[in-house]
Amino acid sequence: MCQNIFQKIIKGIIPSKIIYQDKEITAFHDINPIAPIHILVVPNLLIKSLNEINENNKHILGNMLYISIKIAKKFKIDKNGYRLIINCNQHGRQEIQHLHLHLLGGKKLNKI
């Protein structure tokens, strides 16, 4: 089975700076950061995009958000603020077909 880069990171096939991992979620530093803190929060289960969330897996989104808050506190960006982004499919600029959340912080971010 062809694995995407996130699946390889989750399984330890490709080395990465993993900062959090449990049975459902893995979080690691983005290799091309656009902010001083740029962390990807990824479900271990392959869910290709936000559009694939359903009744059976919707709890994963809550876990992704909760882990993001814990990571923001760990990196001490919770007080000044941070941004969470989920891109969806081609027009949403999703580059890897595996649901993931970008946690950005560590500086004042540009308006969107």
PDB file of N, CA and C in Angstrom:
ATOM      1  N   MET A   1       0.836  -1.188   0.000  1.00  0.00           N
ATOM      2  CA  MET A   1       0.000   0.000   0.000  1.00  0.00           C
ATOM      3  C   MET A   1       0.876   1.246   0.000  1.00  0.00           C
ATOM      4  N   CYS A   2       0.532   2.197  -0.841  1.00  0.00           N
ATOM      5  CA  CYS A   2       1.284   3.447  -0.924  1.00  0.00           C
ATOM      6  C   CYS A   2       0.970   4.294   0.303  1.00  0.00           C
ATOM      7  N   GLN A   3       1.992   4.761   0.956  1.00  0.00           N
ATOM      8  CA  GLN A   3       1.802   5.586   2.143  1.00  0.00           C
ATOM      9  C   GLN A   3       2.212   7.016   1.837  1.00  0.00           C
ATOM     10  N   ASN A   4       1.466   7.968   2.359  1.00  0.00           N
ATOM     11  CA  ASN A   4       1.871   9.358   2.193  1.00  0.00           C
ATOM     12  C   ASN A   4       2.935   9.698   3.239  1.00  0.00           C
ATOM     13  N   ILE A   5       3.509  10.866   3.110  1.00  0.00           N
ATOM     14  CA  ILE A   5       4.612  11.259   3.991  1.00  0.00           C
ATOM     15  C   ILE A   5       4.172  11.305   5.458  1.00  0.00           C
ATOM     16  N   PHE A   6       2.937  11.716   5.732  1.00  0.00           N
ATOM     17  CA  PHE A   6       2.471  11.761   7.117  1.00  0.00           C
ATOM     18  C   PHE A   6       2.364  10.364   7.711  1.00  0.00           C
ATOM     19  N   GLN A   7       1.879   9.409   6.939  1.00  0.00           N
ATOM     20  CA  GLN A   7       1.798   8.033   7.433  1.00  0.00           C
ATOM     21  C   GLN A   7       3.191   7.499   7.752  1.00  0.00           C
ATOM     22  N   LYS A   8       4.167   7.860   6.930  1.00  0.00           N
ATOM     23  CA  LYS A   8       5.545   7.409   7.167  1.00  0.00           C
ATOM     24  C   LYS A   8       6.130   8.051   8.419  1.00  0.00           C
ATOM     25  N   ILE A   9       5.808   9.319   8.661  1.00  0.00           N
ATOM     26  CA  ILE A   9       6.269   9.991   9.881  1.00  0.00           C
ATOM     27  C   ILE A   9       5.608   9.354  11.106  1.00  0.00           C
ATOM     28  N   ILE A  10       4.304   9.128  11.033  1.00  0.00           N
ATOM     29  CA  ILE A  10       3.563   8.528  12.150  1.00  0.00           C
ATOM     30  C   ILE A  10       4.143   7.167  12.520  1.00  0.00           C
ATOM     31  N   LYS A  11       4.520   6.383  11.509  1.00  0.00           N
ATOM     32  CA  LYS A  11       5.049   5.032  11.745  1.00  0.00           C
ATOM     33  C   LYS A  11       6.549   5.017  12.026  1.00  0.00           C
ATOM     34  N   GLY A  12       7.203   6.187  11.986  1.00  0.00           N
ATOM     35  CA  GLY A  12       8.628   6.260  12.271  1.00  0.00           C
ATOM     36  C   GLY A  12       9.518   5.866  11.111  1.00  0.00           C
ATOM     37  N   ILE A  13       8.959   5.729   9.922  1.00  0.00           N
ATOM     38  CA  ILE A  13       9.745   5.371   8.737  1.00  0.00           C
ATOM     39  C   ILE A  13      10.587   6.556   8.290  1.00  0.00           C
ATOM     40  N   ILE A  14      10.021   7.750   8.379  1.00  0.00           N
ATOM     41  CA  ILE A  14      10.733   8.988   8.066  1.00  0.00           C
ATOM     42  C   ILE A  14      10.949   9.727   9.380  1.00  0.00           C
ATOM     43  N   PRO A  15      12.186  10.136   9.669  1.00  0.00           N
ATOM     44  CA  PRO A  15      12.432  10.861  10.918  1.00  0.00           C
ATOM     45  C   PRO A  15      11.782  12.243  10.890  1.00  0.00           C
ATOM     46  N   SER A  16      11.322  12.667  12.036  1.00  0.00           N
ATOM     47  CA  SER A  16      10.707  13.978  12.180  1.00  0.00           C
ATOM     48  C   SER A  16      10.811  14.401  13.636  1.00  0.00           C
ATOM     49  N   LYS A  17      10.637  15.692  13.870  1.00  0.00           N
ATOM     50  CA  LYS A  17      10.641  16.205  15.242  1.00  0.00           C
ATOM     51  C   LYS A  17       9.231  16.067  15.817  1.00  0.00           C
ATOM     52  N   ILE A  18       8.911  14.853  16.263  1.00  0.00           N
ATOM     53  CA  ILE A  18       7.596  14.587  16.843  1.00  0.00           C
ATOM     54  C   ILE A  18       7.552  15.184  18.242  1.00  0.00           C
ATOM     55  N   ILE A  19       6.527  15.987  18.500  1.00  0.00           N
ATOM     56  CA  ILE A  19       6.409  16.605  19.820  1.00  0.00           C
ATOM     57  C   ILE A  19       5.249  16.039  20.621  1.00  0.00           C
ATOM     58  N   TYR A  20       4.378  15.296  19.950  1.00  0.00           N
ATOM     59  CA  TYR A  20       3.270  14.650  20.653  1.00  0.00           C
ATOM     60  C   TYR A  20       2.825  13.441  19.841  1.00  0.00           C
ATOM     61  N   GLN A  21       2.525  12.344  20.535  1.00  0.00           N
ATOM     62  CA  GLN A  21       1.970  11.182  19.850  1.00  0.00           C
ATOM     63  C   GLN A  21       1.200  10.334  20.850  1.00  0.00           C
ATOM     64  N   ASP A  22      -0.014   9.964  20.464  1.00  0.00           N
ATOM     65  CA  ASP A  22      -0.791   8.992  21.223  1.00  0.00           C
ATOM     66  C   ASP A  22      -1.421   8.030  20.220  1.00  0.00           C
ATOM     67  N   LYS A  23      -2.382   7.238  20.638  1.00  0.00           N
ATOM     68  CA  LYS A  23      -2.947   6.218  19.745  1.00  0.00           C
ATOM     69  C   LYS A  23      -3.750   6.821  18.594  1.00  0.00           C
ATOM     70  N   GLU A  24      -4.131   8.108  18.709  1.00  0.00           N
ATOM     71  CA  GLU A  24      -4.985   8.725  17.697  1.00  0.00           C
ATOM     72  C   GLU A  24      -4.379   9.912  16.959  1.00  0.00           C
ATOM     73  N   ILE A  25      -3.466  10.626  17.598  1.00  0.00           N
ATOM     74  CA  ILE A  25      -2.953  11.887  17.058  1.00  0.00           C
ATOM     75  C   ILE A  25      -1.432  11.910  17.128  1.00  0.00           C
ATOM     76  N   THR A  26      -0.813  12.483  16.091  1.00  0.00           N
ATOM     77  CA  THR A  26       0.624  12.755  16.094  1.00  0.00           C
ATOM     78  C   THR A  26       0.820  14.218  15.721  1.00  0.00           C
ATOM     79  N   ALA A  27       1.736  14.891  16.409  1.00  0.00           N
ATOM     80  CA  ALA A  27       2.052  16.288  16.110  1.00  0.00           C
ATOM     81  C   ALA A  27       3.556  16.419  15.933  1.00  0.00           C
ATOM     82  N   PHE A  28       3.956  17.170  14.920  1.00  0.00           N
ATOM     83  CA  PHE A  28       5.378  17.332  14.613  1.00  0.00           C
ATOM     84  C   PHE A  28       5.611  18.675  13.933  1.00  0.00           C
ATOM     85  N   HIS A  29       6.871  19.119  13.965  1.00  0.00           N
ATOM     86  CA  HIS A  29       7.246  20.386  13.341  1.00  0.00           C
ATOM     87  C   HIS A  29       7.149  20.278  11.824  1.00  0.00           C
ATOM     88  N   ASP A  30       6.622  21.327  11.198  1.00  0.00           N
ATOM     89  CA  ASP A  30       6.569  21.403   9.741  1.00  0.00           C
ATOM     90  C   ASP A  30       7.995  21.591   9.215  1.00  0.00           C
ATOM     91  N   ILE A  31       8.331  20.900   8.127  1.00  0.00           N
ATOM     92  CA  ILE A  31       9.701  21.018   7.590  1.00  0.00           C
ATOM     93  C   ILE A  31       9.904  22.326   6.818  1.00  0.00           C
ATOM     94  N   ASN A  32       8.829  23.005   6.453  1.00  0.00           N
ATOM     95  CA  ASN A  32       8.904  24.306   5.780  1.00  0.00           C
ATOM     96  C   ASN A  32       8.049  25.317   6.546  1.00  0.00           C
ATOM     97  N   PRO A  33       8.506  25.720   7.730  1.00  0.00           N
ATOM     98  CA  PRO A  33       7.669  26.571   8.576  1.00  0.00           C
ATOM     99  C   PRO A  33       7.438  27.957   7.976  1.00  0.00           C
ATOM    100  N   ILE A  34       6.226  28.479   8.207  1.00  0.00           N
ATOM    101  CA  ILE A  34       5.917  29.845   7.781  1.00  0.00           C
ATOM    102  C   ILE A  34       5.759  30.772   8.987  1.00  0.00           C
ATOM    103  N   ALA A  35       6.052  30.266  10.165  1.00  0.00           N
ATOM    104  CA  ALA A  35       6.030  31.039  11.409  1.00  0.00           C
ATOM    105  C   ALA A  35       7.067  30.419  12.343  1.00  0.00           C
ATOM    106  N   PRO A  36       7.521  31.168  13.359  1.00  0.00           N
ATOM    107  CA  PRO A  36       8.495  30.594  14.296  1.00  0.00           C
ATOM    108  C   PRO A  36       8.031  29.266  14.906  1.00  0.00           C
ATOM    109  N   ILE A  37       6.743  29.169  15.206  1.00  0.00           N
ATOM    110  CA  ILE A  37       6.153  27.902  15.647  1.00  0.00           C
ATOM    111  C   ILE A  37       5.201  27.466  14.538  1.00  0.00           C
ATOM    112  N   HIS A  38       5.485  26.335  13.914  1.00  0.00           N
ATOM    113  CA  HIS A  38       4.610  25.789  12.857  1.00  0.00           C
ATOM    114  C   HIS A  38       4.586  24.283  13.040  1.00  0.00           C
ATOM    115  N   ILE A  39       3.509  23.820  13.628  1.00  0.00           N
ATOM    116  CA  ILE A  39       3.371  22.410  13.984  1.00  0.00           C
ATOM    117  C   ILE A  39       2.165  21.831  13.256  1.00  0.00           C
ATOM    118  N   LEU A  40       2.319  20.621  12.759  1.00  0.00           N
ATOM    119  CA  LEU A  40       1.227  19.906  12.115  1.00  0.00           C
ATOM    120  C   LEU A  40       0.636  18.916  13.103  1.00  0.00           C
ATOM    121  N   VAL A  41      -0.667  18.923  13.228  1.00  0.00           N
ATOM    122  CA  VAL A  41      -1.389  18.006  14.109  1.00  0.00           C
ATOM    123  C   VAL A  41      -2.210  17.100  13.192  1.00  0.00           C
ATOM    124  N   VAL A  42      -1.915  15.799  13.247  1.00  0.00           N
ATOM    125  CA  VAL A  42      -2.393  14.855  12.237  1.00  0.00           C
ATOM    126  C   VAL A  42      -3.055  13.646  12.907  1.00  0.00           C
ATOM    127  N   PRO A  43      -4.213  13.214  12.396  1.00  0.00           N
ATOM    128  CA  PRO A  43      -4.760  11.955  12.910  1.00  0.00           C
ATOM    129  C   PRO A  43      -3.924  10.778  12.417  1.00  0.00           C
ATOM    130  N   ASN A  44      -3.714   9.793  13.260  1.00  0.00           N
ATOM    131  CA  ASN A  44      -2.950   8.611  12.843  1.00  0.00           C
ATOM    132  C   ASN A  44      -3.717   7.798  11.804  1.00  0.00           C
ATOM    133  N   LEU A  45      -5.025   7.812  11.895  1.00  0.00           N
ATOM    134  CA  LEU A  45      -5.884   7.151  10.921  1.00  0.00           C
ATOM    135  C   LEU A  45      -5.892   7.978   9.641  1.00  0.00           C
ATOM    136  N   LEU A  46      -5.755   7.337   8.496  1.00  0.00           N
ATOM    137  CA  LEU A  46      -5.787   8.074   7.232  1.00  0.00           C
ATOM    138  C   LEU A  46      -7.205   8.572   6.957  1.00  0.00           C
ATOM    139  N   ILE A  47      -7.359   9.870   7.077  1.00  0.00           N
ATOM    140  CA  ILE A  47      -8.570  10.581   6.674  1.00  0.00           C
ATOM    141  C   ILE A  47      -8.065  11.584   5.641  1.00  0.00           C
ATOM    142  N   LYS A  48      -8.452  11.431   4.395  1.00  0.00           N
ATOM    143  CA  LYS A  48      -7.836  12.206   3.319  1.00  0.00           C
ATOM    144  C   LYS A  48      -8.098  13.703   3.395  1.00  0.00           C
ATOM    145  N   SER A  49      -9.277  14.107   3.825  1.00  0.00           N
ATOM    146  CA  SER A  49      -9.564  15.538   3.938  1.00  0.00           C
ATOM    147  C   SER A  49     -10.661  15.756   4.970  1.00  0.00           C
ATOM    148  N   LEU A  50     -10.892  17.010   5.274  1.00  0.00           N
ATOM    149  CA  LEU A  50     -11.945  17.374   6.216  1.00  0.00           C
ATOM    150  C   LEU A  50     -13.301  16.846   5.754  1.00  0.00           C
ATOM    151  N   ASN A  51     -13.492  16.738   4.446  1.00  0.00           N
ATOM    152  CA  ASN A  51     -14.759  16.251   3.896  1.00  0.00           C
ATOM    153  C   ASN A  51     -15.038  14.792   4.231  1.00  0.00           C
ATOM    154  N   GLU A  52     -14.035  14.050   4.696  1.00  0.00           N
ATOM    155  CA  GLU A  52     -14.229  12.643   5.048  1.00  0.00           C
ATOM    156  C   GLU A  52     -14.603  12.435   6.518  1.00  0.00           C
ATOM    157  N   ILE A  53     -14.785  13.527   7.248  1.00  0.00           N
ATOM    158  CA  ILE A  53     -15.232  13.405   8.635  1.00  0.00           C
ATOM    159  C   ILE A  53     -16.694  12.955   8.629  1.00  0.00           C
ATOM    160  N   ASN A  54     -17.002  11.980   9.482  1.00  0.00           N
ATOM    161  CA  ASN A  54     -18.363  11.449   9.560  1.00  0.00           C
ATOM    162  C   ASN A  54     -18.713  11.137  11.017  1.00  0.00           C
ATOM    163  N   GLU A  55     -19.867  10.545  11.229  1.00  0.00           N
ATOM    164  CA  GLU A  55     -20.327  10.210  12.585  1.00  0.00           C
ATOM    165  C   GLU A  55     -19.328   9.342  13.343  1.00  0.00           C
ATOM    166  N   ASN A  56     -18.660   8.439  12.639  1.00  0.00           N
ATOM    167  CA  ASN A  56     -17.750   7.490  13.293  1.00  0.00           C
ATOM    168  C   ASN A  56     -16.409   8.093  13.686  1.00  0.00           C
ATOM    169  N   ASN A  57     -15.976   9.161  12.999  1.00  0.00           N
ATOM    170  CA  ASN A  57     -14.641   9.699  13.278  1.00  0.00           C
ATOM    171  C   ASN A  57     -14.646  11.179  13.680  1.00  0.00           C
ATOM    172  N   LYS A  58     -15.811  11.772  13.874  1.00  0.00           N
ATOM    173  CA  LYS A  58     -15.883  13.209  14.169  1.00  0.00           C
ATOM    174  C   LYS A  58     -15.177  13.596  15.471  1.00  0.00           C
ATOM    175  N   HIS A  59     -15.045  12.671  16.395  1.00  0.00           N
ATOM    176  CA  HIS A  59     -14.353  12.955  17.661  1.00  0.00           C
ATOM    177  C   HIS A  59     -12.879  13.308  17.437  1.00  0.00           C
ATOM    178  N   ILE A  60     -12.324  12.867  16.319  1.00  0.00           N
ATOM    179  CA  ILE A  60     -10.912  13.142  16.025  1.00  0.00           C
ATOM    180  C   ILE A  60     -10.664  14.645  15.904  1.00  0.00           C
ATOM    181  N   LEU A  61     -11.616  15.380  15.337  1.00  0.00           N
ATOM    182  CA  LEU A  61     -11.452  16.836  15.225  1.00  0.00           C
ATOM    183  C   LEU A  61     -11.336  17.484  16.598  1.00  0.00           C
ATOM    184  N   GLY A  62     -12.162  17.066  17.532  1.00  0.00           N
ATOM    185  CA  GLY A  62     -12.071  17.589  18.897  1.00  0.00           C
ATOM    186  C   GLY A  62     -10.730  17.270  19.529  1.00  0.00           C
ATOM    187  N   ASN A  63     -10.245  16.068  19.308  1.00  0.00           N
ATOM    188  CA  ASN A  63      -8.936  15.681  19.839  1.00  0.00           C
ATOM    189  C   ASN A  63      -7.824  16.506  19.208  1.00  0.00           C
ATOM    190  N   MET A  64      -7.920  16.757  17.891  1.00  0.00           N
ATOM    191  CA  MET A  64      -6.908  17.577  17.218  1.00  0.00           C
ATOM    192  C   MET A  64      -6.879  18.983  17.805  1.00  0.00           C
ATOM    193  N   LEU A  65      -8.046  19.557  18.056  1.00  0.00           N
ATOM    194  CA  LEU A  65      -8.110  20.897  18.643  1.00  0.00           C
ATOM    195  C   LEU A  65      -7.569  20.901  20.070  1.00  0.00           C
ATOM    196  N   TYR A  66      -7.951  19.916  20.860  1.00  0.00           N
ATOM    197  CA  TYR A  66      -7.491  19.843  22.246  1.00  0.00           C
ATOM    198  C   TYR A  66      -5.967  19.695  22.322  1.00  0.00           C
ATOM    199  N   ILE A  67      -5.409  18.834  21.493  1.00  0.00           N
ATOM    200  CA  ILE A  67      -3.951  18.650  21.469  1.00  0.00           C
ATOM    201  C   ILE A  67      -3.273  19.942  21.029  1.00  0.00           C
ATOM    202  N   SER A  68      -3.867  20.659  20.080  1.00  0.00           N
ATOM    203  CA  SER A  68      -3.301  21.938  19.623  1.00  0.00           C
ATOM    204  C   SER A  68      -3.221  22.940  20.767  1.00  0.00           C
ATOM    205  N   ILE A  69      -4.254  22.995  21.593  1.00  0.00           N
ATOM    206  CA  ILE A  69      -4.252  23.899  22.752  1.00  0.00           C
ATOM    207  C   ILE A  69      -3.140  23.505  23.723  1.00  0.00           C
ATOM    208  N   LYS A  70      -2.995  22.216  23.991  1.00  0.00           N
ATOM    209  CA  LYS A  70      -1.928  21.746  24.883  1.00  0.00           C
ATOM    210  C   LYS A  70      -0.551  22.111  24.330  1.00  0.00           C
ATOM    211  N   ILE A  71      -0.367  21.964  23.021  1.00  0.00           N
ATOM    212  CA  ILE A  71       0.918  22.289  22.399  1.00  0.00           C
ATOM    213  C   ILE A  71       1.169  23.794  22.466  1.00  0.00           C
ATOM    214  N   ALA A  72       0.138  24.605  22.216  1.00  0.00           N
ATOM    215  CA  ALA A  72       0.288  26.064  22.307  1.00  0.00           C
ATOM    216  C   ALA A  72       0.752  26.462  23.708  1.00  0.00           C
ATOM    217  N   LYS A  73       0.192  25.834  24.724  1.00  0.00           N
ATOM    218  CA  LYS A  73       0.616  26.117  26.100  1.00  0.00           C
ATOM    219  C   LYS A  73       2.048  25.650  26.340  1.00  0.00           C
ATOM    220  N   LYS A  74       2.394  24.485  25.818  1.00  0.00           N
ATOM    221  CA  LYS A  74       3.753  23.947  25.979  1.00  0.00           C
ATOM    222  C   LYS A  74       4.792  24.898  25.388  1.00  0.00           C
ATOM    223  N   PHE A  75       4.478  25.492  24.230  1.00  0.00           N
ATOM    224  CA  PHE A  75       5.407  26.398  23.560  1.00  0.00           C
ATOM    225  C   PHE A  75       5.218  27.853  23.991  1.00  0.00           C
ATOM    226  N   LYS A  76       4.328  28.066  24.979  1.00  0.00           N
ATOM    227  CA  LYS A  76       4.091  29.382  25.571  1.00  0.00           C
ATOM    228  C   LYS A  76       3.635  30.426  24.546  1.00  0.00           C
ATOM    229  N   ILE A  77       2.788  29.991  23.616  1.00  0.00           N
ATOM    230  CA  ILE A  77       2.208  30.933  22.656  1.00  0.00           C
ATOM    231  C   ILE A  77       0.711  31.133  22.913  1.00  0.00           C
ATOM    232  N   ASP A  78       0.213  30.516  23.965  1.00  0.00           N
ATOM    233  CA  ASP A  78      -1.223  30.595  24.257  1.00  0.00           C
ATOM    234  C   ASP A  78      -1.655  31.990  24.701  1.00  0.00           C
ATOM    235  N   LYS A  79      -0.809  32.717  25.394  1.00  0.00           N
ATOM    236  CA  LYS A  79      -1.192  34.041  25.907  1.00  0.00           C
ATOM    237  C   LYS A  79      -1.249  35.088  24.799  1.00  0.00           C
ATOM    238  N   ASN A  80      -0.219  35.140  23.951  1.00  0.00           N
ATOM    239  CA  ASN A  80      -0.185  36.130  22.876  1.00  0.00           C
ATOM    240  C   ASN A  80      -1.056  35.740  21.692  1.00  0.00           C
ATOM    241  N   GLY A  81      -1.289  34.458  21.516  1.00  0.00           N
ATOM    242  CA  GLY A  81      -2.187  34.001  20.460  1.00  0.00           C
ATOM    243  C   GLY A  81      -1.508  33.154  19.405  1.00  0.00           C
ATOM    244  N   TYR A  82      -2.343  32.454  18.675  1.00  0.00           N
ATOM    245  CA  TYR A  82      -1.882  31.538  17.632  1.00  0.00           C
ATOM    246  C   TYR A  82      -3.016  31.333  16.645  1.00  0.00           C
ATOM    247  N   ARG A  83      -2.725  30.668  15.555  1.00  0.00           N
ATOM    248  CA  ARG A  83      -3.721  30.400  14.518  1.00  0.00           C
ATOM    249  C   ARG A  83      -3.761  28.914  14.230  1.00  0.00           C
ATOM    250  N   LEU A  84      -4.978  28.404  14.025  1.00  0.00           N
ATOM    251  CA  LEU A  84      -5.183  27.019  13.614  1.00  0.00           C
ATOM    252  C   LEU A  84      -5.818  27.038  12.230  1.00  0.00           C
ATOM    253  N   ILE A  85      -5.261  26.250  11.313  1.00  0.00           N
ATOM    254  CA  ILE A  85      -5.752  26.218   9.932  1.00  0.00           C
ATOM    255  C   ILE A  85      -5.894  24.774   9.480  1.00  0.00           C
ATOM    256  N   ILE A  86      -7.021  24.482   8.828  1.00  0.00           N
ATOM    257  CA  ILE A  86      -7.192  23.211   8.125  1.00  0.00           C
ATOM    258  C   ILE A  86      -7.509  23.547   6.675  1.00  0.00           C
ATOM    259  N   ASN A  87      -6.635  23.165   5.770  1.00  0.00           N
ATOM    260  CA  ASN A  87      -6.878  23.337   4.339  1.00  0.00           C
ATOM    261  C   ASN A  87      -7.631  22.111   3.832  1.00  0.00           C
ATOM    262  N   CYS A  88      -8.516  22.309   2.857  1.00  0.00           N
ATOM    263  CA  CYS A  88      -9.313  21.194   2.349  1.00  0.00           C
ATOM    264  C   CYS A  88      -9.296  21.165   0.821  1.00  0.00           C
ATOM    265  N   ASN A  89      -8.726  20.114   0.298  1.00  0.00           N
ATOM    266  CA  ASN A  89      -8.696  19.829  -1.141  1.00  0.00           C
ATOM    267  C   ASN A  89      -7.947  20.894  -1.947  1.00  0.00           C
ATOM    268  N   GLN A  90      -8.011  20.783  -3.258  1.00  0.00           N
ATOM    269  CA  GLN A  90      -7.167  21.568  -4.159  1.00  0.00           C
ATOM    270  C   GLN A  90      -7.366  23.079  -4.011  1.00  0.00           C
ATOM    271  N   HIS A  91      -8.584  23.552  -4.054  1.00  0.00           N
ATOM    272  CA  HIS A  91      -8.804  24.998  -3.967  1.00  0.00           C
ATOM    273  C   HIS A  91      -8.502  25.542  -2.580  1.00  0.00           C
ATOM    274  N   GLY A  92      -8.553  24.696  -1.582  1.00  0.00           N
ATOM    275  CA  GLY A  92      -8.178  25.085  -0.225  1.00  0.00           C
ATOM    276  C   GLY A  92      -6.684  24.975   0.029  1.00  0.00           C
ATOM    277  N   ARG A  93      -5.931  24.582  -1.001  1.00  0.00           N
ATOM    278  CA  ARG A  93      -4.460  24.461  -0.972  1.00  0.00           C
ATOM    279  C   ARG A  93      -3.964  23.330  -0.069  1.00  0.00           C
ATOM    280  N   GLN A  94      -4.743  22.253   0.039  1.00  0.00           N
ATOM    281  CA  GLN A  94      -4.283  21.078   0.778  1.00  0.00           C
ATOM    282  C   GLN A  94      -3.282  20.339  -0.105  1.00  0.00           C
ATOM    283  N   GLU A  95      -2.038  20.225   0.351  1.00  0.00           N
ATOM    284  CA  GLU A  95      -0.981  19.616  -0.460  1.00  0.00           C
ATOM    285  C   GLU A  95      -0.832  18.122  -0.208  1.00  0.00           C
ATOM    286  N   ILE A  96      -1.034  17.674   1.023  1.00  0.00           N
ATOM    287  CA  ILE A  96      -0.938  16.258   1.373  1.00  0.00           C
ATOM    288  C   ILE A  96      -2.360  15.756   1.609  1.00  0.00           C
ATOM    289  N   GLN A  97      -2.717  14.675   0.951  1.00  0.00           N
ATOM    290  CA  GLN A  97      -4.078  14.135   1.083  1.00  0.00           C
ATOM    291  C   GLN A  97      -4.197  13.291   2.357  1.00  0.00           C
ATOM    292  N   HIS A  98      -4.040  13.974   3.466  1.00  0.00           N
ATOM    293  CA  HIS A  98      -4.179  13.402   4.811  1.00  0.00           C
ATOM    294  C   HIS A  98      -4.569  14.584   5.690  1.00  0.00           C
ATOM    295  N   LEU A  99      -5.744  14.524   6.284  1.00  0.00           N
ATOM    296  CA  LEU A  99      -6.221  15.615   7.126  1.00  0.00           C
ATOM    297  C   LEU A  99      -5.129  16.056   8.092  1.00  0.00           C
ATOM    298  N   HIS A 100      -4.921  17.360   8.185  1.00  0.00           N
ATOM    299  CA  HIS A 100      -3.958  17.888   9.144  1.00  0.00           C
ATOM    300  C   HIS A 100      -4.312  19.327   9.497  1.00  0.00           C
ATOM    301  N   LEU A 101      -3.893  19.713  10.669  1.00  0.00           N
ATOM    302  CA  LEU A 101      -4.144  21.040  11.198  1.00  0.00           C
ATOM    303  C   LEU A 101      -2.801  21.734  11.371  1.00  0.00           C
ATOM    304  N   HIS A 102      -2.709  22.973  10.915  1.00  0.00           N
ATOM    305  CA  HIS A 102      -1.500  23.784  11.099  1.00  0.00           C
ATOM    306  C   HIS A 102      -1.684  24.634  12.351  1.00  0.00           C
ATOM    307  N   LEU A 103      -0.747  24.542  13.268  1.00  0.00           N
ATOM    308  CA  LEU A 103      -0.694  25.404  14.446  1.00  0.00           C
ATOM    309  C   LEU A 103       0.428  26.404  14.201  1.00  0.00           C
ATOM    310  N   LEU A 104       0.067  27.682  14.088  1.00  0.00           N
ATOM    311  CA  LEU A 104       1.037  28.735  13.779  1.00  0.00           C
ATOM    312  C   LEU A 104       1.090  29.741  14.917  1.00  0.00           C
ATOM    313  N   GLY A 105       2.294  30.169  15.283  1.00  0.00           N
ATOM    314  CA  GLY A 105       2.434  31.172  16.323  1.00  0.00           C
ATOM    315  C   GLY A 105       3.875  31.587  16.506  1.00  0.00           C
ATOM    316  N   GLY A 106       4.110  32.325  17.570  1.00  0.00           N
ATOM    317  CA  GLY A 106       5.460  32.772  17.880  1.00  0.00           C
ATOM    318  C   GLY A 106       5.770  34.164  17.368  1.00  0.00           C
ATOM    319  N   LYS A 107       4.814  34.782  16.663  1.00  0.00           N
ATOM    320  CA  LYS A 107       4.944  36.161  16.194  1.00  0.00           C
ATOM    321  C   LYS A 107       3.544  36.647  15.839  1.00  0.00           C
ATOM    322  N   LYS A 108       3.412  37.954  15.617  1.00  0.00           N
ATOM    323  CA  LYS A 108       2.126  38.482  15.155  1.00  0.00           C
ATOM    324  C   LYS A 108       1.946  38.056  13.707  1.00  0.00           C
ATOM    325  N   LEU A 109       0.866  37.359  13.436  1.00  0.00           N
ATOM    326  CA  LEU A 109       0.622  36.814  12.103  1.00  0.00           C
ATOM    327  C   LEU A 109      -0.105  37.834  11.229  1.00  0.00           C
ATOM    328  N   ASN A 110       0.096  37.720   9.924  1.00  0.00           N
ATOM    329  CA  ASN A 110      -0.585  38.602   8.975  1.00  0.00           C
ATOM    330  C   ASN A 110      -2.086  38.361   9.004  1.00  0.00           C
ATOM    331  N   LYS A 111      -2.837  39.381   8.641  1.00  0.00           N
ATOM    332  CA  LYS A 111      -4.286  39.236   8.519  1.00  0.00           C
ATOM    333  C   LYS A 111      -4.603  38.239   7.419  1.00  0.00           C
ATOM    334  N   ILE A 112      -5.756  37.588   7.556  1.00  0.00           N
ATOM    335  CA  ILE A 112      -6.198  36.709   6.462  1.00  0.00           C
ATOM    336  C   ILE A 112      -7.543  37.181   5.935  1.00  0.00           C
TER     337      ILE A 112
END
